[in-house]
Full PDB file with SEQRES, HELIX, SHEET, SSBOND, CRYST1, ORIGX, SCALE, CONECT and MASTER records, all heavy atoms in Angstrom:
SEQRES   1 A   32  ALA GLY ASN LYS LEU SER ASP ILE HIS GLU GLY LEU ILE          
SEQRES   2 A   32  GLY GLU THR ASP MET ALA PHE SER ASP GLU TYR ASP LEU          
SEQRES   3 A   32  GLU ALA ILE ASP CYS LEU                                      
HELIX    1 AA1 LEU A    5  ILE A    8  1                                   4    
HELIX    2 AA2 GLU A   10  LEU A   12  5                                   3    
HELIX    3 AA3 LEU A   26  ALA A   28  5                                   3    
CRYST1    1.000    1.000    1.000  90.00  90.00  90.00 P 1           1          
ORIGX1      1.000000  0.000000  0.000000        0.00000                         
ORIGX2      0.000000  1.000000  0.000000        0.00000                         
ORIGX3      0.000000  0.000000  1.000000        0.00000                         
SCALE1      1.000000  0.000000  0.000000        0.00000                         
SCALE2      0.000000  1.000000  0.000000        0.00000                         
SCALE3      0.000000  0.000000  1.000000        0.00000                         
ATOM      1  N   ALA A   1       0.830  -1.211   0.000  1.00  0.00           N  
ATOM      2  CA  ALA A   1       0.000   0.000   0.000  1.00  0.00           C  
ATOM      3  C   ALA A   1       0.860   1.254   0.000  1.00  0.00           C  
ATOM      4  O   ALA A   1       1.799   1.388   0.790  1.00  0.00           O  
ATOM      5  CB  ALA A   1      -0.934  -0.008   1.199  1.00  0.00           C  
ATOM      6  N   GLY A   2       0.544   2.175  -0.914  1.00  0.00           N  
ATOM      7  CA  GLY A   2       1.282   3.427  -1.039  1.00  0.00           C  
ATOM      8  C   GLY A   2       2.383   3.381  -2.072  1.00  0.00           C  
ATOM      9  O   GLY A   2       2.800   4.423  -2.586  1.00  0.00           O  
ATOM     10  N   ASN A   3       2.876   2.204  -2.400  1.00  0.00           N  
ATOM     11  CA  ASN A   3       3.896   2.074  -3.439  1.00  0.00           C  
ATOM     12  C   ASN A   3       3.253   2.185  -4.826  1.00  0.00           C  
ATOM     13  O   ASN A   3       2.123   1.755  -5.031  1.00  0.00           O  
ATOM     14  CB  ASN A   3       4.607   0.720  -3.340  1.00  0.00           C  
ATOM     15  CG  ASN A   3       5.411   0.564  -2.075  1.00  0.00           C  
ATOM     16  OD1 ASN A   3       5.947   1.534  -1.550  1.00  0.00           O  
ATOM     17  ND2 ASN A   3       5.485  -0.658  -1.569  1.00  0.00           N  
ATOM     18  N   LYS A   4       3.977   2.739  -5.761  1.00  0.00           N  
ATOM     19  CA  LYS A   4       3.492   2.760  -7.128  1.00  0.00           C  
ATOM     20  C   LYS A   4       3.417   1.345  -7.695  1.00  0.00           C  
ATOM     21  O   LYS A   4       4.239   0.481  -7.345  1.00  0.00           O  
ATOM     22  CB  LYS A   4       4.406   3.616  -8.007  1.00  0.00           C  
ATOM     23  CG  LYS A   4       4.300   5.119  -7.776  1.00  0.00           C  
ATOM     24  CD  LYS A   4       5.146   5.870  -8.792  1.00  0.00           C  
ATOM     25  CE  LYS A   4       4.974   7.372  -8.659  1.00  0.00           C  
ATOM     26  NZ  LYS A   4       5.775   8.104  -9.679  1.00  0.00           N  
ATOM     27  N   LEU A   5       2.453   1.116  -8.573  1.00  0.00           N  
ATOM     28  CA  LEU A   5       2.366  -0.176  -9.239  1.00  0.00           C  
ATOM     29  C   LEU A   5       3.667  -0.504  -9.956  1.00  0.00           C  
ATOM     30  O   LEU A   5       4.120  -1.652  -9.952  1.00  0.00           O  
ATOM     31  CB  LEU A   5       1.209  -0.189 -10.245  1.00  0.00           C  
ATOM     32  CG  LEU A   5      -0.201   0.090  -9.735  1.00  0.00           C  
ATOM     33  CD1 LEU A   5      -1.206  -0.097 -10.881  1.00  0.00           C  
ATOM     34  CD2 LEU A   5      -0.574  -0.790  -8.567  1.00  0.00           C  
ATOM     35  N   SER A   6       4.285   0.505 -10.549  1.00  0.00           N  
ATOM     36  CA  SER A   6       5.508   0.284 -11.318  1.00  0.00           C  
ATOM     37  C   SER A   6       6.720   0.018 -10.434  1.00  0.00           C  
ATOM     38  O   SER A   6       7.773  -0.386 -10.932  1.00  0.00           O  
ATOM     39  CB  SER A   6       5.785   1.476 -12.239  1.00  0.00           C  
ATOM     40  OG  SER A   6       5.897   2.671 -11.497  1.00  0.00           O  
ATOM     41  N   ASP A   7       6.602   0.245  -9.101  1.00  0.00           N  
ATOM     42  CA  ASP A   7       7.689  -0.134  -8.202  1.00  0.00           C  
ATOM     43  C   ASP A   7       7.757  -1.645  -8.042  1.00  0.00           C  
ATOM     44  O   ASP A   7       8.833  -2.201  -7.794  1.00  0.00           O  
ATOM     45  CB  ASP A   7       7.490   0.510  -6.826  1.00  0.00           C  
ATOM     46  CG  ASP A   7       7.719   2.011  -6.829  1.00  0.00           C  
ATOM     47  OD1 ASP A   7       8.367   2.507  -7.782  1.00  0.00           O  
ATOM     48  OD2 ASP A   7       7.248   2.682  -5.894  1.00  0.00           O  
ATOM     49  N   ILE A   8       6.624  -2.312  -8.144  1.00  0.00           N  
ATOM     50  CA  ILE A   8       6.565  -3.764  -7.993  1.00  0.00           C  
ATOM     51  C   ILE A   8       6.534  -4.447  -9.359  1.00  0.00           C  
ATOM     52  O   ILE A   8       7.283  -5.390  -9.621  1.00  0.00           O  
ATOM     53  CB  ILE A   8       5.324  -4.161  -7.166  1.00  0.00           C  
ATOM     54  CG1 ILE A   8       5.343  -3.458  -5.814  1.00  0.00           C  
ATOM     55  CG2 ILE A   8       5.252  -5.686  -6.991  1.00  0.00           C  
ATOM     56  CD1 ILE A   8       6.567  -3.727  -4.969  1.00  0.00           C  
ATOM     57  N   HIS A   9       5.665  -3.976 -10.235  1.00  0.00           N  
ATOM     58  CA  HIS A   9       5.590  -4.501 -11.609  1.00  0.00           C  
ATOM     59  C   HIS A   9       6.358  -3.521 -12.496  1.00  0.00           C  
ATOM     60  O   HIS A   9       5.780  -2.605 -13.087  1.00  0.00           O  
ATOM     61  CB  HIS A   9       4.134  -4.627 -12.043  1.00  0.00           C  
ATOM     62  CG  HIS A   9       3.303  -5.467 -11.118  1.00  0.00           C  
ATOM     63  ND1 HIS A   9       3.568  -6.799 -10.894  1.00  0.00           N  
ATOM     64  CD2 HIS A   9       2.219  -5.156 -10.342  1.00  0.00           C  
ATOM     65  CE1 HIS A   9       2.682  -7.282 -10.039  1.00  0.00           C  
ATOM     66  NE2 HIS A   9       1.861  -6.313  -9.685  1.00  0.00           N  
ATOM     67  N   GLU A  10       7.658  -3.698 -12.578  1.00  0.00           N  
ATOM     68  CA  GLU A  10       8.530  -2.675 -13.157  1.00  0.00           C  
ATOM     69  C   GLU A  10       8.304  -2.466 -14.647  1.00  0.00           C  
ATOM     70  O   GLU A  10       8.665  -1.416 -15.188  1.00  0.00           O  
ATOM     71  CB  GLU A  10       9.986  -3.014 -12.851  1.00  0.00           C  
ATOM     72  CG  GLU A  10      10.277  -2.967 -11.351  1.00  0.00           C  
ATOM     73  CD  GLU A  10      11.737  -3.245 -11.022  1.00  0.00           C  
ATOM     74  OE1 GLU A  10      12.562  -3.355 -11.960  1.00  0.00           O  
ATOM     75  OE2 GLU A  10      12.046  -3.347  -9.828  1.00  0.00           O  
ATOM     76  N   GLY A  11       7.701  -3.434 -15.309  1.00  0.00           N  
ATOM     77  CA  GLY A  11       7.376  -3.257 -16.715  1.00  0.00           C  
ATOM     78  C   GLY A  11       6.311  -2.209 -16.955  1.00  0.00           C  
ATOM     79  O   GLY A  11       6.079  -1.804 -18.094  1.00  0.00           O  
ATOM     80  N   LEU A  12       5.648  -1.741 -15.891  1.00  0.00           N  
ATOM     81  CA  LEU A  12       4.603  -0.718 -16.023  1.00  0.00           C  
ATOM     82  C   LEU A  12       5.155   0.700 -15.971  1.00  0.00           C  
ATOM     83  O   LEU A  12       4.381   1.658 -16.027  1.00  0.00           O  
ATOM     84  CB  LEU A  12       3.556  -0.885 -14.913  1.00  0.00           C  
ATOM     85  CG  LEU A  12       2.716  -2.163 -14.960  1.00  0.00           C  
ATOM     86  CD1 LEU A  12       1.802  -2.231 -13.739  1.00  0.00           C  
ATOM     87  CD2 LEU A  12       1.890  -2.226 -16.235  1.00  0.00           C  
ATOM     88  N   ILE A  13       6.461   0.851 -15.865  1.00  0.00           N  
ATOM     89  CA  ILE A  13       7.025   2.200 -15.827  1.00  0.00           C  
ATOM     90  C   ILE A  13       6.636   2.955 -17.101  1.00  0.00           C  
ATOM     91  O   ILE A  13       6.722   2.431 -18.216  1.00  0.00           O  
ATOM     92  CB  ILE A  13       8.562   2.163 -15.652  1.00  0.00           C  
ATOM     93  CG1 ILE A  13       9.104   3.571 -15.418  1.00  0.00           C  
ATOM     94  CG2 ILE A  13       9.247   1.492 -16.821  1.00  0.00           C  
ATOM     95  CD1 ILE A  13      10.546   3.597 -14.933  1.00  0.00           C  
ATOM     96  N   GLY A  14       6.135   4.156 -16.935  1.00  0.00           N  
ATOM     97  CA  GLY A  14       5.666   4.957 -18.054  1.00  0.00           C  
ATOM     98  C   GLY A  14       4.235   4.666 -18.458  1.00  0.00           C  
ATOM     99  O   GLY A  14       3.669   5.390 -19.282  1.00  0.00           O  
ATOM    100  N   GLU A  15       3.630   3.616 -17.886  1.00  0.00           N  
ATOM    101  CA  GLU A  15       2.264   3.243 -18.239  1.00  0.00           C  
ATOM    102  C   GLU A  15       1.244   3.871 -17.291  1.00  0.00           C  
ATOM    103  O   GLU A  15       0.116   4.167 -17.686  1.00  0.00           O  
ATOM    104  CB  GLU A  15       2.103   1.715 -18.203  1.00  0.00           C  
ATOM    105  CG  GLU A  15       2.958   0.963 -19.193  1.00  0.00           C  
ATOM    106  CD  GLU A  15       2.503   1.153 -20.627  1.00  0.00           C  
ATOM    107  OE1 GLU A  15       1.286   1.264 -20.852  1.00  0.00           O  
ATOM    108  OE2 GLU A  15       3.377   1.201 -21.505  1.00  0.00           O  
ATOM    109  N   THR A  16       1.613   4.023 -16.024  1.00  0.00           N  
ATOM    110  CA  THR A  16       0.656   4.511 -15.029  1.00  0.00           C  
ATOM    111  C   THR A  16       1.390   5.062 -13.822  1.00  0.00           C  
ATOM    112  O   THR A  16       2.513   4.630 -13.517  1.00  0.00           O  
ATOM    113  CB  THR A  16      -0.289   3.378 -14.574  1.00  0.00           C  
ATOM    114  OG1 THR A  16      -1.212   3.882 -13.602  1.00  0.00           O  
ATOM    115  CG2 THR A  16       0.487   2.218 -13.958  1.00  0.00           C  
ATOM    116  N   ASP A  17       0.754   6.023 -13.137  1.00  0.00           N  
ATOM    117  CA  ASP A  17       1.255   6.540 -11.865  1.00  0.00           C  
ATOM    118  C   ASP A  17       0.429   6.020 -10.689  1.00  0.00           C  
ATOM    119  O   ASP A  17       0.596   6.481  -9.563  1.00  0.00           O  
ATOM    120  CB  ASP A  17       1.218   8.078 -11.862  1.00  0.00           C  
ATOM    121  CG  ASP A  17       2.241   8.676 -12.814  1.00  0.00           C  
ATOM    122  OD1 ASP A  17       3.348   8.104 -12.936  1.00  0.00           O  
ATOM    123  OD2 ASP A  17       1.941   9.708 -13.444  1.00  0.00           O  
ATOM    124  N   MET A  18      -0.461   5.057 -10.950  1.00  0.00           N  
ATOM    125  CA  MET A  18      -1.295   4.508  -9.885  1.00  0.00           C  
ATOM    126  C   MET A  18      -0.441   3.880  -8.789  1.00  0.00           C  
ATOM    127  O   MET A  18       0.644   3.347  -9.047  1.00  0.00           O  
ATOM    128  CB  MET A  18      -2.253   3.439 -10.419  1.00  0.00           C  
ATOM    129  CG  MET A  18      -3.467   3.963 -11.138  1.00  0.00           C  
ATOM    130  SD  MET A  18      -4.585   2.584 -11.605  1.00  0.00           S  
ATOM    131  CE  MET A  18      -5.186   2.082  -9.970  1.00  0.00           C  
ATOM    132  N   ALA A  19      -0.973   3.919  -7.572  1.00  0.00           N  
ATOM    133  CA  ALA A  19      -0.332   3.273  -6.433  1.00  0.00           C  
ATOM    134  C   ALA A  19      -1.243   2.182  -5.885  1.00  0.00           C  
ATOM    135  O   ALA A  19      -2.454   2.201  -6.070  1.00  0.00           O  
ATOM    136  CB  ALA A  19      -0.031   4.298  -5.341  1.00  0.00           C  
ATOM    137  N   PHE A  20      -0.635   1.213  -5.222  1.00  0.00           N  
ATOM    138  CA  PHE A  20      -1.410   0.200  -4.521  1.00  0.00           C  
ATOM    139  C   PHE A  20      -2.181   0.855  -3.379  1.00  0.00           C  
ATOM    140  O   PHE A  20      -1.706   1.804  -2.745  1.00  0.00           O  
ATOM    141  CB  PHE A  20      -0.492  -0.874  -3.942  1.00  0.00           C  
ATOM    142  CG  PHE A  20       0.151  -1.760  -4.963  1.00  0.00           C  
ATOM    143  CD1 PHE A  20       1.464  -1.528  -5.374  1.00  0.00           C  
ATOM    144  CD2 PHE A  20      -0.533  -2.823  -5.513  1.00  0.00           C  
ATOM    145  CE1 PHE A  20       2.070  -2.351  -6.305  1.00  0.00           C  
ATOM    146  CE2 PHE A  20       0.063  -3.655  -6.449  1.00  0.00           C  
ATOM    147  CZ  PHE A  20       1.365  -3.416  -6.845  1.00  0.00           C  
ATOM    148  N   SER A  21      -3.355   0.304  -3.104  1.00  0.00           N  
ATOM    149  CA  SER A  21      -4.205   0.840  -2.047  1.00  0.00           C  
ATOM    150  C   SER A  21      -4.417  -0.228  -0.975  1.00  0.00           C  
ATOM    151  O   SER A  21      -4.421  -1.424  -1.260  1.00  0.00           O  
ATOM    152  CB  SER A  21      -5.560   1.250  -2.632  1.00  0.00           C  
ATOM    153  OG  SER A  21      -6.461   1.589  -1.602  1.00  0.00           O  
ATOM    154  N   ASP A  22      -4.588   0.205   0.274  1.00  0.00           N  
ATOM    155  CA  ASP A  22      -4.975  -0.718   1.339  1.00  0.00           C  
ATOM    156  C   ASP A  22      -6.476  -0.636   1.606  1.00  0.00           C  
ATOM    157  O   ASP A  22      -6.981  -1.237   2.556  1.00  0.00           O  
ATOM    158  CB  ASP A  22      -4.182  -0.461   2.620  1.00  0.00           C  
ATOM    159  CG  ASP A  22      -4.379   0.947   3.161  1.00  0.00           C  
ATOM    160  OD1 ASP A  22      -5.094   1.755   2.532  1.00  0.00           O  
ATOM    161  OD2 ASP A  22      -3.816   1.251   4.230  1.00  0.00           O  
ATOM    162  N   GLU A  23      -7.198   0.113   0.754  1.00  0.00           N  
ATOM    163  CA  GLU A  23      -8.646   0.241   0.872  1.00  0.00           C  
ATOM    164  C   GLU A  23      -9.295  -0.114  -0.465  1.00  0.00           C  
ATOM    165  O   GLU A  23      -8.648  -0.101  -1.518  1.00  0.00           O  
ATOM    166  CB  GLU A  23      -9.031   1.667   1.270  1.00  0.00           C  
ATOM    167  CG  GLU A  23      -8.475   2.103   2.619  1.00  0.00           C  
ATOM    168  CD  GLU A  23      -8.851   3.541   2.956  1.00  0.00           C  
ATOM    169  OE1 GLU A  23      -9.349   4.250   2.046  1.00  0.00           O  
ATOM    170  OE2 GLU A  23      -8.647   3.941   4.108  1.00  0.00           O  
ATOM    171  N   TYR A  24     -10.582  -0.433  -0.409  1.00  0.00           N  
ATOM    172  CA  TYR A  24     -11.322  -0.721  -1.637  1.00  0.00           C  
ATOM    173  C   TYR A  24     -12.792  -0.426  -1.402  1.00  0.00           C  
ATOM    174  O   TYR A  24     -13.306  -0.573  -0.289  1.00  0.00           O  
ATOM    175  CB  TYR A  24     -11.146  -2.181  -2.070  1.00  0.00           C  
ATOM    176  CG  TYR A  24     -11.291  -3.184  -0.961  1.00  0.00           C  
ATOM    177  CD1 TYR A  24     -12.543  -3.654  -0.565  1.00  0.00           C  
ATOM    178  CD2 TYR A  24     -10.163  -3.659  -0.295  1.00  0.00           C  
ATOM    179  CE1 TYR A  24     -12.678  -4.569   0.457  1.00  0.00           C  
ATOM    180  CE2 TYR A  24     -10.291  -4.579   0.735  1.00  0.00           C  
ATOM    181  CZ  TYR A  24     -11.548  -5.028   1.112  1.00  0.00           C  
ATOM    182  OH  TYR A  24     -11.660  -5.943   2.125  1.00  0.00           O  
ATOM    183  N   ASP A  25     -13.436   0.035  -2.458  1.00  0.00           N  
ATOM    184  CA  ASP A  25     -14.861   0.342  -2.405  1.00  0.00           C  
ATOM    185  C   ASP A  25     -15.556  -0.520  -3.447  1.00  0.00           C  
ATOM    186  O   ASP A  25     -15.533  -0.223  -4.638  1.00  0.00           O  
ATOM    187  CB  ASP A  25     -15.093   1.831  -2.684  1.00  0.00           C  
ATOM    188  CG  ASP A  25     -16.567   2.226  -2.610  1.00  0.00           C  
ATOM    189  OD1 ASP A  25     -17.410   1.340  -2.336  1.00  0.00           O  
ATOM    190  OD2 ASP A  25     -16.868   3.406  -2.851  1.00  0.00           O  
ATOM    191  N   LEU A  26     -16.185  -1.598  -3.000  1.00  0.00           N  
ATOM    192  CA  LEU A  26     -16.824  -2.530  -3.914  1.00  0.00           C  
ATOM    193  C   LEU A  26     -18.068  -1.933  -4.564  1.00  0.00           C  
ATOM    194  O   LEU A  26     -18.484  -2.385  -5.640  1.00  0.00           O  
ATOM    195  CB  LEU A  26     -17.182  -3.825  -3.191  1.00  0.00           C  
ATOM    196  CG  LEU A  26     -16.013  -4.594  -2.542  1.00  0.00           C  
ATOM    197  CD1 LEU A  26     -16.514  -5.904  -1.952  1.00  0.00           C  
ATOM    198  CD2 LEU A  26     -14.893  -4.845  -3.545  1.00  0.00           C  
ATOM    199  N   GLU A  27     -18.644  -0.924  -3.939  1.00  0.00           N  
ATOM    200  CA  GLU A  27     -19.829  -0.270  -4.501  1.00  0.00           C  
ATOM    201  C   GLU A  27     -19.479   0.599  -5.703  1.00  0.00           C  
ATOM    202  O   GLU A  27     -20.344   0.929  -6.511  1.00  0.00           O  
ATOM    203  CB  GLU A  27     -20.519   0.591  -3.438  1.00  0.00           C  
ATOM    204  CG  GLU A  27     -21.098  -0.178  -2.266  1.00  0.00           C  
ATOM    205  CD  GLU A  27     -22.399  -0.892  -2.610  1.00  0.00           C  
ATOM    206  OE1 GLU A  27     -22.900  -0.705  -3.743  1.00  0.00           O  
ATOM    207  OE2 GLU A  27     -22.909  -1.636  -1.759  1.00  0.00           O  
ATOM    208  N   ALA A  28     -18.192   0.963  -5.825  1.00  0.00           N  
ATOM    209  CA  ALA A  28     -17.778   1.902  -6.870  1.00  0.00           C  
ATOM    210  C   ALA A  28     -17.337   1.213  -8.154  1.00  0.00           C  
ATOM    211  O   ALA A  28     -16.955   1.893  -9.109  1.00  0.00           O  
ATOM    212  CB  ALA A  28     -16.647   2.784  -6.343  1.00  0.00           C  
ATOM    213  N   ILE A  29     -17.378  -0.130  -8.186  1.00  0.00           N  
ATOM    214  CA  ILE A  29     -16.892  -0.848  -9.364  1.00  0.00           C  
ATOM    215  C   ILE A  29     -17.971  -1.780  -9.907  1.00  0.00           C  
ATOM    216  O   ILE A  29     -18.953  -2.093  -9.241  1.00  0.00           O  
ATOM    217  CB  ILE A  29     -15.612  -1.654  -9.050  1.00  0.00           C  
ATOM    218  CG1 ILE A  29     -15.877  -2.674  -7.937  1.00  0.00           C  
ATOM    219  CG2 ILE A  29     -14.473  -0.717  -8.678  1.00  0.00           C  
ATOM    220  CD1 ILE A  29     -14.714  -3.628  -7.702  1.00  0.00           C  
ATOM    221  N   ASP A  30     -17.758  -2.209 -11.151  1.00  0.00           N  
ATOM    222  CA  ASP A  30     -18.666  -3.147 -11.818  1.00  0.00           C  
ATOM    223  C   ASP A  30     -18.128  -4.574 -11.802  1.00  0.00           C  
ATOM    224  O   ASP A  30     -18.896  -5.533 -11.867  1.00  0.00           O  
ATOM    225  CB  ASP A  30     -18.862  -2.732 -13.279  1.00  0.00           C  
ATOM    226  CG  ASP A  30     -19.302  -1.289 -13.416  1.00  0.00           C  
ATOM    227  OD1 ASP A  30     -20.343  -0.939 -12.839  1.00  0.00           O  
ATOM    228  OD2 ASP A  30     -18.588  -0.524 -14.097  1.00  0.00           O  
ATOM    229  N   CYS A  31     -16.797  -4.704 -11.749  1.00  0.00           N  
ATOM    230  CA  CYS A  31     -16.164  -6.016 -11.869  1.00  0.00           C  
ATOM    231  C   CYS A  31     -14.986  -6.106 -10.913  1.00  0.00           C  
ATOM    232  O   CYS A  31     -14.138  -5.202 -10.887  1.00  0.00           O  
ATOM    233  CB  CYS A  31     -15.698  -6.249 -13.308  1.00  0.00           C  
ATOM    234  SG  CYS A  31     -15.023  -7.895 -13.618  1.00  0.00           S  
ATOM    235  N   LEU A  32     -14.918  -7.203 -10.160  1.00  0.00           N  
ATOM    236  CA  LEU A  32     -13.827  -7.421  -9.210  1.00  0.00           C  
ATOM    237  C   LEU A  32     -13.056  -8.671  -9.609  1.00  0.00           C  
ATOM    238  O   LEU A  32     -13.648  -9.731  -9.842  1.00  0.00           O  
ATOM    239  CB  LEU A  32     -14.378  -7.596  -7.798  1.00  0.00           C  
ATOM    240  CG  LEU A  32     -13.327  -7.827  -6.696  1.00  0.00           C  
ATOM    241  CD1 LEU A  32     -12.485  -6.571  -6.494  1.00  0.00           C  
ATOM    242  CD2 LEU A  32     -13.985  -8.260  -5.397  1.00  0.00           C  
TER     243      LEU A  32                                                      
MASTER        0    0    0    3    0    0    0    6  242    1    0    3          
END                                                                             
């Protein structure tokens, strides 16, 4: 949690700035 996705999946560098989350909202999505 808090680390960028590309810090762990290094092939994603330049693809996204998203970070891992320790929270989730199942009501806000259509597919899990």
